[in-house]
Amino acid sequence: MDPGDHLEAQEEPLVATPGTEVVLSTLSTLRSAPLKKIALVGVVATASVAFLALVANTQVSGRSRASAEFQQLQEDFQHPFSIWQSAAYTGDKLSEKPVGYFKSDFAWTGPEVVISNVEGQVIEGFGGAFTESSAAVYKKLSADQQDQFIEDYFSLEGLGYTLGRTHINSCDFSISSYSFDDHDGDVGLAMFDTTLAHDEEQLLPLIWAAQYMVRSSGVGRDLKMLASPWSPPAWMKDQSWNSGKPVMDHSGKPCLKTGMEEVWANYIAKWIQSYRAKGVNIWAMTVQNEPLNNASWEACLMSSEEEANFVANYLGPVLRELLPDLQIFIYDHNKDKVADYALDVLANSVAAPYVSGVAYHWYAGDGWHELERLQDVSKQRNLKLLPSEATWEAYRWHPGTVLSQGDWSFGEGYAHDIIGDLNRGAIGWLDWNLVLDEKGGPNHVNNVCDAAIQVDLSKKEVYKHPQYYYIGHFSKFIVPNSVHLESTVLRSGAVPVGARPYGTCTGQDGLEATSARQPNGQVVAVILNCGPSDVVFKLKYSNLAAQLTIPARGIQTYLFQEVKDPKSS
């Protein structure tokens, strides 16, 4: 059976009995019509009520003229679901498929995805990073391409992004190192450029364009920005390791010169105030990007003890006084050490009250156990868990991969990570660069990467990579203020034991699933199959179920109406 036809294959033929021809004709028409808009589920429900009235009116001599098949169709028609699909071998890329219908639950011995009504965390949203490199590429697009780019990421017709991340000062994905106060010894920050002249050239226009699209796409929608510092200005840093000119790249131990902690905290606050004065919604910040990485680009090493001290005695008090609504996320590095680092910082009783959440990256692999270690403290302290960075380094391209198409496994890896993170309390998910050029840059230290959208500037062509579509299976449907729902996968593979490179997802993982309930009561279920074969499975919700097929190396998003008082969950 063609995987794209799995929904139609479930339907029984409509059998007419005397007096039911008009009803059957109406039902056939409605049943075959795809649900183009979420609101149409209500239309289907209304049509179903009218349909039931018609059935009641067909009774003659105390007997219904509807056949058993007709009665079953009547029942099935009450519980439709919409479906979107992407798959490596079917040509689907976030393609909407024909509407399907739940039936009453049935016995099943194969793989099964069970969606419950057990609530978890509230979702903030999904998004990507506004780097200077992305802004430089965006600036080189034609006006029409720029408009399309913004629509593709930030409109409701696109991915519906509502989160963004950007860098305080430069990062590796900047054209060169820069800060907003390069005057050595200016501890009062009198020379700080509050006009943000450097970022006004490229970075801010990109943020403004995205922000306008989000705000104009619906009442209450906004682009929440997460800010992260890679490095303080060079003059604030301990350069004892460096015999040459002071630089922002690399880091000594400690990173900051003695006595610079308060200066750096005030600098961060001034940067956020300046960005907000430009109309940008800086919602939260991380204390330090990758505090355990002495990178060849901008870096600032901070042990968990040093970060706790900085938050407790400098950054926390400054931000509480000047920017009391700003949320502070600690760590912002790989998942393999997230629990130990975060728990160390939170053990500091002075630092802990300033902390809103824990941010982390994906580069050390799955790290599910580490996230599970944070579940109790997250619930006790109402801490938010935020995956703040993921990308594929260019060297991970498989042989034969071409720029115009990208690597399909990159999309699978993203979905695998998003599902695992959401199922362990994540409030959203952030991709790294929104867009890069054909070389995976620009990057001033040649740390080139892939991106969900890349541009061949020499050809003036824009390409969407598989990551774009896979992220969309979550971001378009698990909208802000959705509530995560507990889901279980039965009789389908097992997560391999041991460390794996980031983004690894194979048939060994079996089916993977996550789910959420939108604010309007619609339930979203996302199912992933990284295996080489189609999988026939049962999707169960409450006392309803459907037999479905997910294609090899495919992902599906289901959308259906909540059952408020389930008999089971």
Protein backbone atom coordinates (compact mmCIF):
# COMPACT_ATOMS: atom_id res chain seq x y z
CA MET A 1 0.00 0.00 0.00
CA ASP A 2 1.29 3.45 -0.85
CA PRO A 3 2.02 5.22 2.50
CA GLY A 4 0.40 8.38 1.20
CA ASP A 5 -2.87 6.51 0.72
CA HIS A 6 -3.10 5.00 4.20
CA LEU A 7 -6.03 7.11 5.28
CA GLU A 8 -8.23 6.35 2.29
CA ALA A 9 -7.55 2.64 2.69
CA GLN A 10 -9.35 2.59 6.04
CA GLU A 11 -12.71 3.72 4.66
CA GLU A 12 -15.48 1.21 4.04
CA PRO A 13 -17.71 1.70 0.98
CA LEU A 14 -20.93 3.57 1.64
CA VAL A 15 -23.86 1.19 1.30
CA ALA A 16 -27.22 2.81 0.56
CA THR A 17 -30.49 1.49 1.91
CA PRO A 18 -33.95 2.78 0.99
CA GLY A 19 -34.42 6.36 2.14
CA THR A 20 -30.75 7.06 2.92
CA GLU A 21 -29.42 8.00 -0.52
CA VAL A 22 -29.37 11.78 0.14
CA VAL A 23 -27.75 11.33 3.54
CA LEU A 24 -25.08 9.06 2.13
CA SER A 25 -24.36 11.50 -0.68
CA THR A 26 -23.93 14.33 1.83
CA LEU A 27 -21.71 12.19 4.05
CA SER A 28 -19.55 11.10 1.12
CA THR A 29 -18.94 14.72 0.13
CA LEU A 30 -18.07 15.84 3.63
CA ARG A 31 -15.96 12.81 4.32
CA SER A 32 -13.74 13.31 1.28
CA ALA A 33 -13.16 17.02 1.92
CA PRO A 34 -9.78 17.75 3.58
CA LEU A 35 -9.78 19.91 6.68
CA LYS A 36 -8.01 22.94 5.29
CA LYS A 37 -8.49 25.02 8.40
CA ILE A 38 -8.44 24.00 12.04
CA ALA A 39 -11.76 25.78 12.52
CA LEU A 40 -13.40 23.41 10.05
CA VAL A 41 -13.41 20.68 12.67
CA GLY A 42 -16.31 22.60 14.17
CA VAL A 43 -17.99 22.63 10.78
CA VAL A 44 -17.62 18.86 10.59
CA ALA A 45 -19.13 18.52 14.05
CA THR A 46 -22.05 20.73 13.02
CA ALA A 47 -22.55 18.69 9.87
CA SER A 48 -22.51 15.55 11.99
CA VAL A 49 -25.37 16.88 14.15
CA ALA A 50 -27.39 17.63 11.05
CA PHE A 51 -26.53 14.18 9.74
CA LEU A 52 -27.83 12.51 12.90
CA ALA A 53 -31.09 14.40 12.55
CA LEU A 54 -31.42 13.11 9.00
CA VAL A 55 -30.86 9.55 10.20
CA ALA A 56 -33.61 9.95 12.80
CA ASN A 57 -36.00 11.17 10.11
CA THR A 58 -35.44 8.09 7.95
CA GLN A 59 -37.21 5.77 10.35
CA VAL A 60 -40.20 4.00 8.84
CA SER A 61 -42.54 1.67 10.80
CA GLY A 62 -40.27 1.98 13.88
CA ARG A 63 -37.19 0.71 12.02
CA SER A 64 -34.16 2.72 10.92
CA ARG A 65 -33.40 2.32 7.24
CA ALA A 66 -29.69 2.85 7.88
CA SER A 67 -27.60 -0.27 7.51
CA ALA A 68 -25.03 -1.43 10.07
CA GLU A 69 -22.33 -0.02 7.83
CA PHE A 70 -24.14 3.29 7.70
CA GLN A 71 -24.42 3.43 11.50
CA GLN A 72 -20.70 2.73 11.82
CA LEU A 73 -19.92 5.54 9.39
CA GLN A 74 -22.15 7.82 11.41
CA GLU A 75 -20.05 7.04 14.50
CA ASP A 76 -16.73 7.39 12.73
CA PHE A 77 -17.68 10.71 11.19
CA GLN A 78 -17.83 12.34 14.61
CA HIS A 79 -14.06 12.06 15.28
CA PRO A 80 -11.99 13.35 12.32
CA PHE A 81 -8.31 14.19 12.33
CA SER A 82 -6.11 16.16 9.96
CA ILE A 83 -2.65 14.99 9.00
CA TRP A 84 0.54 16.52 7.59
CA GLN A 85 3.45 14.43 6.38
CA SER A 86 7.09 14.64 5.29
CA ALA A 87 8.99 11.57 4.12
CA ALA A 88 12.22 10.80 2.31
CA TYR A 89 10.75 8.59 -0.41
CA THR A 90 7.23 9.96 -1.02
CA GLY A 91 8.02 13.53 -2.03
CA ASP A 92 6.01 14.89 0.92
CA LYS A 93 7.33 18.02 2.61
CA LEU A 94 4.85 19.21 5.23
CA SER A 95 2.16 17.99 2.84
CA GLU A 96 -1.44 17.92 4.03
CA LYS A 97 -3.00 14.51 3.49
CA PRO A 98 -6.68 13.50 3.27
CA VAL A 99 -8.67 13.69 6.49
CA GLY A 100 -8.96 10.51 8.56
CA TYR A 101 -11.35 9.34 11.27
CA PHE A 102 -11.00 7.70 14.66
CA LYS A 103 -13.12 4.69 15.53
CA SER A 104 -13.87 3.06 18.85
CA ASP A 105 -10.76 1.48 20.35
CA PHE A 106 -9.86 -2.00 19.15
CA ALA A 107 -7.43 -4.80 20.02
CA TRP A 108 -3.95 -4.38 18.56
CA THR A 109 -0.68 -6.27 18.98
CA GLY A 110 1.60 -4.08 16.83
CA PRO A 111 3.28 -0.74 17.50
CA GLU A 112 1.01 1.69 19.30
CA VAL A 113 1.14 5.40 20.16
CA VAL A 114 -1.02 6.34 23.14
CA ILE A 115 -1.89 10.00 23.73
CA SER A 116 -3.11 10.86 27.22
CA ASN A 117 -4.59 13.95 28.83
CA VAL A 118 -1.88 14.07 31.49
CA GLU A 119 -0.55 17.62 31.38
CA GLY A 120 3.06 18.76 31.50
CA GLN A 121 4.85 22.02 30.80
CA VAL A 122 3.48 25.05 28.96
CA ILE A 123 5.17 25.61 25.59
CA GLU A 124 6.73 29.01 24.83
CA GLY A 125 7.39 28.30 21.15
CA PHE A 126 10.02 27.46 18.55
CA GLY A 127 12.53 29.52 16.64
CA GLY A 128 16.08 30.11 15.48
CA ALA A 129 19.09 32.36 15.97
CA PHE A 130 19.52 35.86 14.59
CA THR A 131 23.27 35.96 14.07
CA GLU A 132 25.21 38.64 12.25
CA SER A 133 26.09 36.00 9.65
CA SER A 134 22.41 35.26 9.02
CA ALA A 135 21.71 38.98 8.80
CA ALA A 136 24.54 39.46 6.30
CA VAL A 137 23.12 36.74 4.03
CA TYR A 138 19.58 38.09 4.41
CA LYS A 139 20.76 41.57 3.42
CA LYS A 140 22.10 40.20 0.12
CA LEU A 141 18.76 38.70 -0.91
CA SER A 142 16.47 40.52 -3.31
CA ALA A 143 13.51 42.37 -1.79
CA ASP A 144 11.14 39.60 -2.90
CA GLN A 145 13.41 36.91 -1.45
CA GLN A 146 13.65 38.80 1.82
CA ASP A 147 9.86 39.00 2.07
CA GLN A 148 9.52 35.31 1.29
CA PHE A 149 12.21 34.41 3.83
CA ILE A 150 10.43 36.29 6.63
CA GLU A 151 7.09 34.75 5.65
CA ASP A 152 8.56 31.23 5.48
CA TYR A 153 9.84 31.41 9.05
CA PHE A 154 7.57 33.80 10.93
CA SER A 155 4.11 33.84 9.37
CA LEU A 156 1.30 31.46 10.25
CA GLU A 157 1.50 30.13 6.70
CA GLY A 158 5.20 29.44 7.31
CA LEU A 159 6.76 27.84 10.39
CA GLY A 160 5.14 30.26 12.81
CA TYR A 161 8.33 30.98 14.76
CA THR A 162 7.85 32.98 17.97
CA LEU A 163 11.25 32.53 19.63
CA GLY A 164 14.61 33.93 18.62
CA ARG A 165 18.14 34.01 19.99
CA THR A 166 20.85 36.55 19.40
CA HIS A 167 24.35 37.29 20.65
CA ILE A 168 25.49 40.01 23.07
CA ASN A 169 28.63 41.32 21.31
CA SER A 170 29.99 39.12 18.53
CA CYS A 171 30.07 35.34 18.23
CA ASP A 172 31.73 32.92 15.81
CA PHE A 173 28.89 33.58 13.34
CA SER A 174 29.81 37.26 13.11
CA ILE A 175 31.84 38.87 10.37
CA SER A 176 34.52 39.77 12.93
CA SER A 177 34.85 40.25 16.69
CA TYR A 178 33.22 43.40 18.08
CA SER A 179 31.75 44.91 21.21
CA PHE A 180 29.91 48.14 22.06
CA ASP A 181 32.61 49.55 24.30
CA ASP A 182 36.20 48.96 23.26
CA HIS A 183 37.64 51.67 25.50
CA ASP A 184 40.08 50.03 27.87
CA GLY A 185 39.39 50.94 31.48
CA ASP A 186 35.94 52.43 30.89
CA VAL A 187 34.53 50.76 33.99
CA GLY A 188 31.70 53.30 34.17
CA LEU A 189 30.72 52.38 30.59
CA ALA A 190 30.49 56.04 29.63
CA MET A 191 31.59 55.16 26.08
CA PHE A 192 29.10 52.32 25.60
CA ASP A 193 27.39 52.76 22.23
CA THR A 194 23.73 52.80 23.19
CA THR A 195 22.83 53.49 19.54
CA LEU A 196 23.98 49.95 18.69
CA ALA A 197 25.42 51.33 15.46
CA HIS A 198 27.15 48.07 14.55
CA ASP A 199 24.01 45.94 14.85
CA GLU A 200 21.86 48.56 13.15
CA GLU A 201 23.71 47.89 9.92
CA GLN A 202 22.52 44.31 9.46
CA LEU A 203 21.32 42.43 12.55
CA LEU A 204 18.59 44.71 13.88
CA PRO A 205 16.81 45.12 10.51
CA LEU A 206 16.44 41.33 10.31
CA ILE A 207 15.03 41.14 13.84
CA TRP A 208 12.64 44.03 13.15
CA ALA A 209 11.32 42.39 9.98
CA ALA A 210 10.70 39.10 11.78
CA GLN A 211 9.16 40.85 14.76
CA TYR A 212 6.76 42.80 12.53
CA MET A 213 5.61 39.61 10.81
CA VAL A 214 4.97 37.81 14.11
CA ARG A 215 3.11 40.74 15.66
CA SER A 216 0.96 41.26 12.57
CA SER A 217 0.03 37.57 12.29
CA GLY A 218 -2.35 37.45 15.23
CA VAL A 219 -3.54 39.15 18.40
CA GLY A 220 -1.12 38.60 21.27
CA ARG A 221 1.65 37.10 19.15
CA ASP A 222 5.16 38.40 19.67
CA LEU A 223 8.75 37.40 19.02
CA LYS A 224 10.45 36.57 22.31
CA MET A 225 14.20 37.03 22.10
CA LEU A 226 16.81 35.16 24.12
CA ALA A 227 20.17 36.97 24.40
CA SER A 228 23.46 35.17 25.06
CA PRO A 229 26.97 36.58 25.56
CA TRP A 230 29.91 34.75 24.01
CA SER A 231 32.57 37.08 25.41
CA PRO A 232 32.99 40.36 27.25
CA PRO A 233 35.06 43.09 25.57
CA ALA A 234 38.73 42.05 25.43
CA TRP A 235 39.78 44.67 28.01
CA MET A 236 37.58 43.07 30.68
CA LYS A 237 39.16 39.64 30.23
CA ASP A 238 42.15 38.07 31.92
CA GLN A 239 44.76 37.98 29.12
CA SER A 240 47.59 36.46 31.15
CA TRP A 241 47.57 33.46 28.79
CA ASN A 242 47.97 35.76 25.78
CA SER A 243 51.30 37.36 24.84
CA GLY A 244 49.79 39.38 22.00
CA LYS A 245 47.04 41.95 21.57
CA PRO A 246 44.01 41.50 23.88
CA VAL A 247 41.32 39.47 22.10
CA MET A 248 37.77 38.27 22.68
CA ASP A 249 38.63 34.83 21.27
CA HIS A 250 39.59 32.08 23.70
CA SER A 251 39.46 32.47 27.48
CA GLY A 252 41.73 32.42 30.45
CA LYS A 253 40.92 30.81 33.80
CA PRO A 254 39.23 32.79 35.19
CA CYS A 255 37.73 34.58 32.23
CA LEU A 256 37.30 38.01 33.83
CA LYS A 257 39.94 40.21 35.35
CA THR A 258 39.59 40.66 39.09
CA GLY A 259 37.08 43.41 39.81
CA MET A 260 35.39 43.24 36.40
CA GLU A 261 32.39 41.15 37.47
CA GLU A 262 30.17 44.13 38.28
CA VAL A 263 31.32 46.01 35.19
CA TRP A 264 30.40 43.05 33.00
CA ALA A 265 26.99 42.71 34.70
CA ASN A 266 26.30 46.42 34.11
CA TYR A 267 27.44 46.06 30.49
CA ILE A 268 24.95 43.24 29.91
CA ALA A 269 22.15 45.28 31.45
CA LYS A 270 23.03 48.29 29.29
CA TRP A 271 23.04 46.12 26.15
CA ILE A 272 19.56 44.75 26.97
CA GLN A 273 18.24 48.22 27.78
CA SER A 274 19.61 49.50 24.46
CA TYR A 275 18.03 46.65 22.51
CA ARG A 276 14.69 47.19 24.22
CA ALA A 277 14.95 50.89 23.40
CA LYS A 278 15.16 49.79 19.75
CA GLY A 279 11.84 48.00 20.16
CA VAL A 280 13.21 44.46 20.47
CA ASN A 281 11.54 42.19 23.03
CA ILE A 282 14.51 40.77 24.93
CA TRP A 283 12.56 38.25 27.00
CA ALA A 284 15.40 36.32 28.61
CA MET A 285 19.15 35.82 28.65
CA THR A 286 21.62 33.07 29.34
CA VAL A 287 24.51 33.88 31.65
CA GLN A 288 27.18 32.61 29.27
CA ASN A 289 27.19 30.67 26.02
CA GLU A 290 29.04 27.36 26.44
CA PRO A 291 30.78 28.24 29.73
CA LEU A 292 32.90 25.06 29.65
CA ASN A 293 34.21 25.55 26.10
CA ASN A 294 37.51 27.36 25.61
CA ALA A 295 36.71 27.87 21.95
CA SER A 296 38.93 29.32 19.26
CA TRP A 297 36.28 32.00 18.81
CA GLU A 298 34.69 34.32 21.40
CA ALA A 299 34.61 32.51 24.74
CA CYS A 300 34.46 33.04 28.49
CA LEU A 301 35.07 30.07 30.76
CA MET A 302 32.91 29.84 33.87
CA SER A 303 32.77 26.90 36.24
CA SER A 304 29.45 26.21 37.92
CA GLU A 305 30.83 27.82 41.08
CA GLU A 306 31.93 30.93 39.17
CA GLU A 307 28.58 31.22 37.39
CA ALA A 308 26.70 30.86 40.68
CA ASN A 309 28.85 33.59 42.23
CA PHE A 310 28.38 35.89 39.22
CA VAL A 311 24.59 35.46 39.30
CA ALA A 312 24.33 35.75 43.09
CA ASN A 313 26.48 38.81 43.62
CA TYR A 314 26.54 40.74 40.35
CA LEU A 315 24.25 39.83 37.45
CA GLY A 316 21.21 38.87 39.51
CA PRO A 317 21.09 42.02 41.67
CA VAL A 318 21.80 44.33 38.69
CA LEU A 319 19.07 42.82 36.53
CA ARG A 320 16.60 42.64 39.42
CA GLU A 321 17.02 46.40 39.91
CA LEU A 322 17.14 47.52 36.26
CA LEU A 323 15.24 44.82 34.35
CA PRO A 324 13.09 42.96 36.88
CA ASP A 325 10.99 41.19 34.24
CA LEU A 326 14.00 39.66 32.45
CA GLN A 327 14.37 35.91 32.87
CA ILE A 328 17.81 34.41 33.56
CA PHE A 329 18.76 30.96 32.22
CA ILE A 330 21.88 29.24 33.48
CA TYR A 331 24.34 26.83 31.81
CA ASP A 332 23.64 27.07 28.02
CA HIS A 333 25.97 24.23 27.07
CA ASN A 334 25.81 20.53 26.15
CA LYS A 335 23.33 18.13 27.73
CA ASP A 336 25.99 15.70 28.96
CA LYS A 337 26.84 18.00 31.90
CA VAL A 338 23.60 19.95 32.27
CA ALA A 339 22.39 18.29 35.47
CA ASP A 340 25.59 18.57 37.51
CA TYR A 341 26.24 22.16 36.42
CA ALA A 342 22.67 23.36 36.97
CA LEU A 343 22.31 21.64 40.32
CA ASP A 344 25.58 23.19 41.49
CA VAL A 345 24.39 26.68 40.59
CA LEU A 346 20.99 26.11 42.18
CA ALA A 347 22.67 24.88 45.36
CA ASN A 348 23.81 28.46 45.88
CA SER A 349 20.94 29.82 47.95
CA VAL A 350 21.68 33.41 46.92
CA ALA A 351 21.89 32.67 43.19
CA ALA A 352 18.89 30.32 42.96
CA PRO A 353 16.12 32.91 43.38
CA TYR A 354 17.41 34.83 40.35
CA VAL A 355 17.27 31.76 38.08
CA SER A 356 14.24 31.22 35.81
CA GLY A 357 15.49 28.24 33.88
CA VAL A 358 18.22 26.06 32.42
CA ALA A 359 19.34 26.26 28.78
CA TYR A 360 21.27 23.55 26.96
CA HIS A 361 22.71 22.50 23.57
CA TRP A 362 22.62 19.21 21.67
CA TYR A 363 26.25 18.68 20.62
CA ALA A 364 27.05 15.88 23.08
CA GLY A 365 24.21 13.64 21.90
CA ASP A 366 20.84 12.70 23.35
CA GLY A 367 21.56 13.26 27.04
CA TRP A 368 18.09 12.09 28.05
CA HIS A 369 19.26 10.80 31.42
CA GLU A 370 20.73 14.20 32.28
CA LEU A 371 17.44 15.93 31.54
CA GLU A 372 15.58 13.32 33.59
CA ARG A 373 17.80 14.18 36.55
CA LEU A 374 16.44 17.74 36.39
CA GLN A 375 12.76 16.81 36.38
CA ASP A 376 12.20 16.99 40.14
CA VAL A 377 14.03 20.27 40.70
CA SER A 378 12.37 21.75 37.61
CA LYS A 379 8.91 21.02 39.01
CA GLN A 380 9.77 22.06 42.58
CA ARG A 381 11.25 25.40 41.54
CA ASN A 382 9.07 25.96 38.46
CA LEU A 383 12.23 26.11 36.34
CA LYS A 384 11.98 26.26 32.57
CA LEU A 385 14.09 23.88 30.47
CA LEU A 386 15.07 25.37 27.11
CA PRO A 387 17.03 23.71 24.29
CA SER A 388 18.79 26.85 23.09
CA GLU A 389 21.04 25.68 20.26
CA ALA A 390 21.32 22.89 17.72
CA THR A 391 22.88 22.75 14.28
CA TRP A 392 24.69 20.37 11.98
CA GLU A 393 28.35 21.10 11.38
CA ALA A 394 29.08 20.95 7.67
CA TYR A 395 31.44 17.98 8.02
CA ARG A 396 28.43 15.81 8.96
CA TRP A 397 27.03 15.95 5.40
CA HIS A 398 26.82 12.45 3.95
CA PRO A 399 28.65 11.81 0.64
CA GLY A 400 26.54 12.88 -2.30
CA THR A 401 24.66 15.59 -0.42
CA VAL A 402 24.07 18.70 -2.53
CA LEU A 403 23.35 22.23 -1.35
CA SER A 404 20.02 22.51 -3.16
CA GLN A 405 18.55 19.50 -1.32
CA GLY A 406 20.46 19.13 1.95
CA ASP A 407 20.76 15.92 3.95
CA TRP A 408 17.46 14.21 4.87
CA SER A 409 18.97 12.71 8.01
CA PHE A 410 19.49 16.24 9.35
CA GLY A 411 15.74 16.72 9.53
CA GLU A 412 15.32 13.35 11.24
CA GLY A 413 17.97 14.24 13.80
CA TYR A 414 16.26 17.52 14.64
CA ALA A 415 12.88 15.82 15.12
CA HIS A 416 14.45 13.12 17.28
CA ASP A 417 15.97 15.77 19.51
CA ILE A 418 12.82 17.91 19.69
CA ILE A 419 10.67 14.92 20.68
CA GLY A 420 13.14 13.79 23.33
CA ASP A 421 13.45 17.28 24.76
CA LEU A 422 9.71 18.01 24.82
CA ASN A 423 9.03 14.67 26.50
CA ARG A 424 11.48 15.68 29.23
CA GLY A 425 10.06 19.07 30.05
CA ALA A 426 11.38 21.45 27.38
CA ILE A 427 9.33 24.64 26.87
CA GLY A 428 10.31 24.94 23.20
CA TRP A 429 13.29 24.50 20.92
CA LEU A 430 15.75 26.85 19.20
CA ASP A 431 17.65 26.15 16.00
CA TRP A 432 20.99 27.91 15.41
CA ASN A 433 21.51 30.18 12.35
CA LEU A 434 18.30 31.05 10.50
CA VAL A 435 20.17 31.18 7.20
CA LEU A 436 23.73 30.75 5.91
CA ASP A 437 25.48 31.09 2.56
CA GLU A 438 26.60 28.28 0.27
CA LYS A 439 29.81 27.80 2.27
CA GLY A 440 28.01 27.48 5.60
CA GLY A 441 29.00 30.95 6.74
CA PRO A 442 30.14 33.64 6.87
CA ASN A 443 32.11 32.67 9.96
CA HIS A 444 35.26 34.49 11.03
CA VAL A 445 36.95 31.32 12.34
CA ASN A 446 35.73 28.99 9.56
CA ASN A 447 33.43 27.08 11.91
CA VAL A 448 31.01 26.45 9.04
CA CYS A 449 27.64 24.73 9.46
CA ASP A 450 24.48 23.67 7.68
CA ALA A 451 21.21 25.57 8.18
CA ALA A 452 17.50 24.96 7.62
CA ILE A 453 17.70 27.57 4.85
CA GLN A 454 20.85 28.15 2.83
CA VAL A 455 21.49 30.53 -0.02
CA ASP A 456 23.75 30.16 -3.03
CA LEU A 457 24.66 33.82 -3.33
CA SER A 458 26.46 33.30 -6.65
CA LYS A 459 23.23 31.93 -8.18
CA LYS A 460 20.85 34.08 -6.10
CA GLU A 461 18.97 30.90 -5.13
CA VAL A 462 17.39 30.04 -1.75
CA TYR A 463 17.13 26.42 -0.62
CA LYS A 464 15.08 24.86 2.16
CA HIS A 465 16.77 21.89 3.75
CA PRO A 466 14.95 18.94 5.39
CA GLN A 467 15.36 20.51 8.84
CA TYR A 468 12.96 23.26 7.77
CA TYR A 469 10.11 20.85 7.15
CA TYR A 470 10.80 18.69 10.18
CA ILE A 471 10.82 21.68 12.54
CA GLY A 472 7.55 22.78 10.96
CA HIS A 473 5.84 19.58 12.10
CA PHE A 474 6.19 20.98 15.62
CA SER A 475 6.33 24.78 15.31
CA LYS A 476 3.23 25.17 13.11
CA PHE A 477 1.03 23.17 15.44
CA ILE A 478 2.43 23.25 18.98
CA VAL A 479 1.73 26.95 19.27
CA PRO A 480 2.65 29.21 22.21
CA ASN A 481 0.72 28.43 25.41
CA SER A 482 0.02 24.87 24.29
CA VAL A 483 0.30 22.34 27.11
CA HIS A 484 2.45 19.27 26.64
CA LEU A 485 0.59 15.97 27.00
CA GLU A 486 2.12 12.70 28.11
CA SER A 487 2.40 10.13 25.32
CA THR A 488 3.65 6.54 25.25
CA VAL A 489 4.98 4.36 22.46
CA LEU A 490 4.34 0.64 22.91
CA ARG A 491 5.95 -2.35 21.20
CA SER A 492 8.24 -0.36 18.92
CA GLY A 493 12.02 -0.50 19.25
CA ALA A 494 14.09 0.72 22.15
CA VAL A 495 16.41 3.67 22.64
CA PRO A 496 19.95 2.34 22.09
CA VAL A 497 22.19 2.30 25.14
CA GLY A 498 25.41 4.30 25.08
CA ALA A 499 26.66 7.54 23.63
CA ARG A 500 25.87 8.40 20.02
CA PRO A 501 26.84 11.40 17.89
CA TYR A 502 24.34 14.25 18.07
CA GLY A 503 21.30 13.89 15.84
CA THR A 504 21.55 10.10 15.51
CA CYS A 505 18.18 8.50 14.77
CA THR A 506 17.73 5.06 13.20
CA GLY A 507 15.25 2.22 13.03
CA GLN A 508 16.58 1.06 16.41
CA ASP A 509 14.75 3.98 18.00
CA GLY A 510 11.42 2.62 16.79
CA LEU A 511 8.52 5.04 16.57
CA GLU A 512 8.93 8.24 18.57
CA ALA A 513 6.10 10.55 19.57
CA THR A 514 5.20 13.69 21.45
CA SER A 515 1.91 15.52 21.90
CA ALA A 516 0.36 18.74 23.17
CA ARG A 517 -2.98 20.48 23.48
CA GLN A 518 -3.39 23.87 21.85
CA PRO A 519 -5.11 26.70 23.78
CA ASN A 520 -8.22 26.16 21.60
CA GLY A 521 -8.55 22.52 22.65
CA GLN A 522 -7.06 20.89 19.55
CA VAL A 523 -4.69 18.00 20.30
CA VAL A 524 -1.43 17.70 18.35
CA ALA A 525 0.43 14.39 18.00
CA VAL A 526 3.78 14.21 16.19
CA ILE A 527 5.02 10.74 15.17
CA LEU A 528 8.57 10.05 13.87
CA ASN A 529 9.89 6.99 12.04
CA CYS A 530 13.63 7.05 11.32
CA GLY A 531 13.58 3.42 10.19
CA PRO A 532 14.04 2.13 6.61
CA SER A 533 10.54 0.59 6.36
CA ASP A 534 6.95 1.76 6.61
CA VAL A 535 5.36 1.08 10.00
CA VAL A 536 1.71 0.21 10.54
CA PHE A 537 0.64 1.37 13.99
CA LYS A 538 -2.35 2.23 16.13
CA LEU A 539 -2.90 5.80 17.33
CA LYS A 540 -4.98 5.75 20.51
CA TYR A 541 -6.57 8.69 22.30
CA SER A 542 -9.13 8.24 25.05
CA ASN A 543 -11.49 5.47 23.88
CA LEU A 544 -10.74 6.25 20.23
CA ALA A 545 -8.21 4.67 17.90
CA ALA A 546 -7.10 4.54 14.28
CA GLN A 547 -4.92 2.14 12.31
CA LEU A 548 -2.36 4.17 10.37
CA THR A 549 0.83 3.87 8.38
CA ILE A 550 3.89 6.11 8.65
CA PRO A 551 6.32 5.95 5.73
CA ALA A 552 9.94 4.94 6.03
CA ARG A 553 12.08 7.86 7.19
CA GLY A 554 8.99 9.97 7.68
CA ILE A 555 7.27 12.24 10.16
CA GLN A 556 3.58 12.94 10.62
CA THR A 557 1.59 15.52 12.57
CA TYR A 558 -1.99 14.73 13.57
CA LEU A 559 -4.51 17.32 14.71
CA PHE A 560 -7.85 16.46 16.30
CA GLN A 561 -10.38 17.71 18.82
CA GLU A 562 -9.79 17.16 22.52
CA VAL A 563 -12.00 14.67 24.35
CA LYS A 564 -12.76 16.55 27.56
CA ASP A 565 -14.02 13.63 29.66
CA PRO A 566 -12.14 10.58 28.40
CA LYS A 567 -13.13 7.12 29.55
CA SER A 568 -9.46 6.31 29.61
CA SER A 569 -6.26 8.19 28.98
